[in-house]
Amino acid sequence: MQKIYKVRREYRCLKAIENLKGGKMNKKPVCKLVGENGNVFNIIGLVSRALKRAGQPEKAKEFAEKAMSSKSYDDVLMLLHFYVEVE
């Protein structure tokens, strides 16, 4: 449970920094998840593919490693918001 709160806190901090910089942070690639299979492995693949298409293969590998070591489905869903914009 503490891990979930830590991820949420980090996400809020990143959003606050983005607002202070006037939204000039690196743009995250868009990943369409609506209407897709909700299986966690499919989601990991979709996010990784979106990152690779955006020219960020190192981030795709980093995301996949973190997602595979996550303890729950909810952790993966929170994690993916650090890497992509969900459509």
Protein backbone atom coordinates (compact mmCIF):
# COMPACT_ATOMS: atom_id res chain seq x y z
CA MET A 1 0.00 0.00 0.00
CA GLN A 2 2.87 2.38 0.74
CA LYS A 3 4.20 1.85 -2.77
CA ILE A 4 0.92 3.09 -4.26
CA TYR A 5 1.04 6.28 -2.20
CA LYS A 6 4.70 6.79 -3.17
CA VAL A 7 3.86 6.50 -6.88
CA ARG A 8 0.91 8.89 -6.52
CA ARG A 9 3.08 11.39 -4.65
CA GLU A 10 5.79 11.21 -7.35
CA TYR A 11 3.14 11.71 -10.05
CA ARG A 12 1.77 14.80 -8.29
CA CYS A 13 5.30 16.19 -7.92
CA LEU A 14 5.99 15.69 -11.64
CA LYS A 15 2.74 17.44 -12.54
CA ALA A 16 3.58 20.34 -10.21
CA ILE A 17 7.01 20.72 -11.81
CA GLU A 18 5.43 20.61 -15.27
CA ASN A 19 3.02 23.39 -14.28
CA LEU A 20 5.87 25.51 -12.92
CA LYS A 21 7.77 25.13 -16.19
CA GLY A 22 4.72 26.16 -18.15
CA GLY A 23 4.08 22.68 -19.50
CA LYS A 24 7.45 22.59 -21.30
CA MET A 25 8.48 19.14 -20.08
CA ASN A 26 9.28 16.50 -22.67
CA LYS A 27 6.07 15.39 -24.29
CA LYS A 28 5.14 11.80 -23.62
CA PRO A 29 3.96 9.63 -26.50
CA VAL A 30 0.25 8.88 -26.72
CA CYS A 31 -0.87 5.32 -26.12
CA LYS A 32 -4.42 4.21 -26.94
CA LEU A 33 -5.72 1.89 -24.22
CA VAL A 34 -9.45 2.49 -24.53
CA GLY A 35 -11.10 -0.44 -26.26
CA GLU A 36 -7.99 -2.62 -26.00
CA ASN A 37 -7.58 -5.91 -24.17
CA GLY A 38 -7.04 -5.12 -20.47
CA ASN A 39 -4.64 -7.98 -19.85
CA VAL A 40 -1.61 -6.59 -18.01
CA PHE A 41 0.85 -8.17 -20.47
CA ASN A 42 -1.01 -6.64 -23.39
CA ILE A 43 -0.90 -3.22 -21.70
CA ILE A 44 2.85 -3.57 -21.11
CA GLY A 45 3.28 -4.41 -24.79
CA LEU A 46 1.15 -1.48 -25.98
CA VAL A 47 3.03 1.02 -23.82
CA SER A 48 6.42 -0.40 -24.82
CA ARG A 49 5.47 -0.25 -28.50
CA ALA A 50 4.30 3.37 -28.17
CA LEU A 51 7.60 4.33 -26.53
CA LYS A 52 9.64 2.54 -29.22
CA ARG A 53 7.66 4.25 -32.00
CA ALA A 54 8.41 7.59 -30.33
CA GLY A 55 12.14 6.84 -30.49
CA GLN A 56 12.53 5.99 -26.81
CA PRO A 57 13.64 2.34 -26.75
CA GLU A 58 15.56 2.78 -23.48
CA LYS A 59 12.40 4.04 -21.77
CA ALA A 60 10.44 1.13 -23.26
CA LYS A 61 12.89 -1.34 -21.70
CA GLU A 62 12.87 0.55 -18.39
CA PHE A 63 9.06 0.58 -18.31
CA ALA A 64 8.80 -3.13 -19.13
CA GLU A 65 11.28 -4.06 -16.40
CA LYS A 66 9.50 -1.95 -13.77
CA ALA A 67 6.07 -3.18 -14.86
CA MET A 68 7.13 -6.83 -14.73
CA SER A 69 8.46 -6.36 -11.20
CA SER A 70 5.31 -4.55 -10.02
CA LYS A 71 3.26 -6.33 -7.41
CA SER A 72 -0.19 -5.55 -8.79
CA TYR A 73 -2.20 -4.54 -11.82
CA ASP A 74 -2.91 -1.16 -10.25
CA ASP A 75 0.82 -0.50 -9.84
CA VAL A 76 1.31 -1.07 -13.58
CA LEU A 77 -1.56 1.29 -14.41
CA MET A 78 -0.08 4.02 -12.22
CA LEU A 79 3.39 3.42 -13.61
CA LEU A 80 2.37 3.76 -17.24
CA HIS A 81 1.22 7.34 -16.63
CA PHE A 82 4.88 8.29 -16.02
CA TYR A 83 5.79 7.12 -19.51
CA VAL A 84 2.83 7.79 -21.83
CA GLU A 85 -0.28 9.89 -22.22
CA VAL A 86 -3.28 7.58 -22.19
CA GLU A 87 -5.86 8.04 -24.90
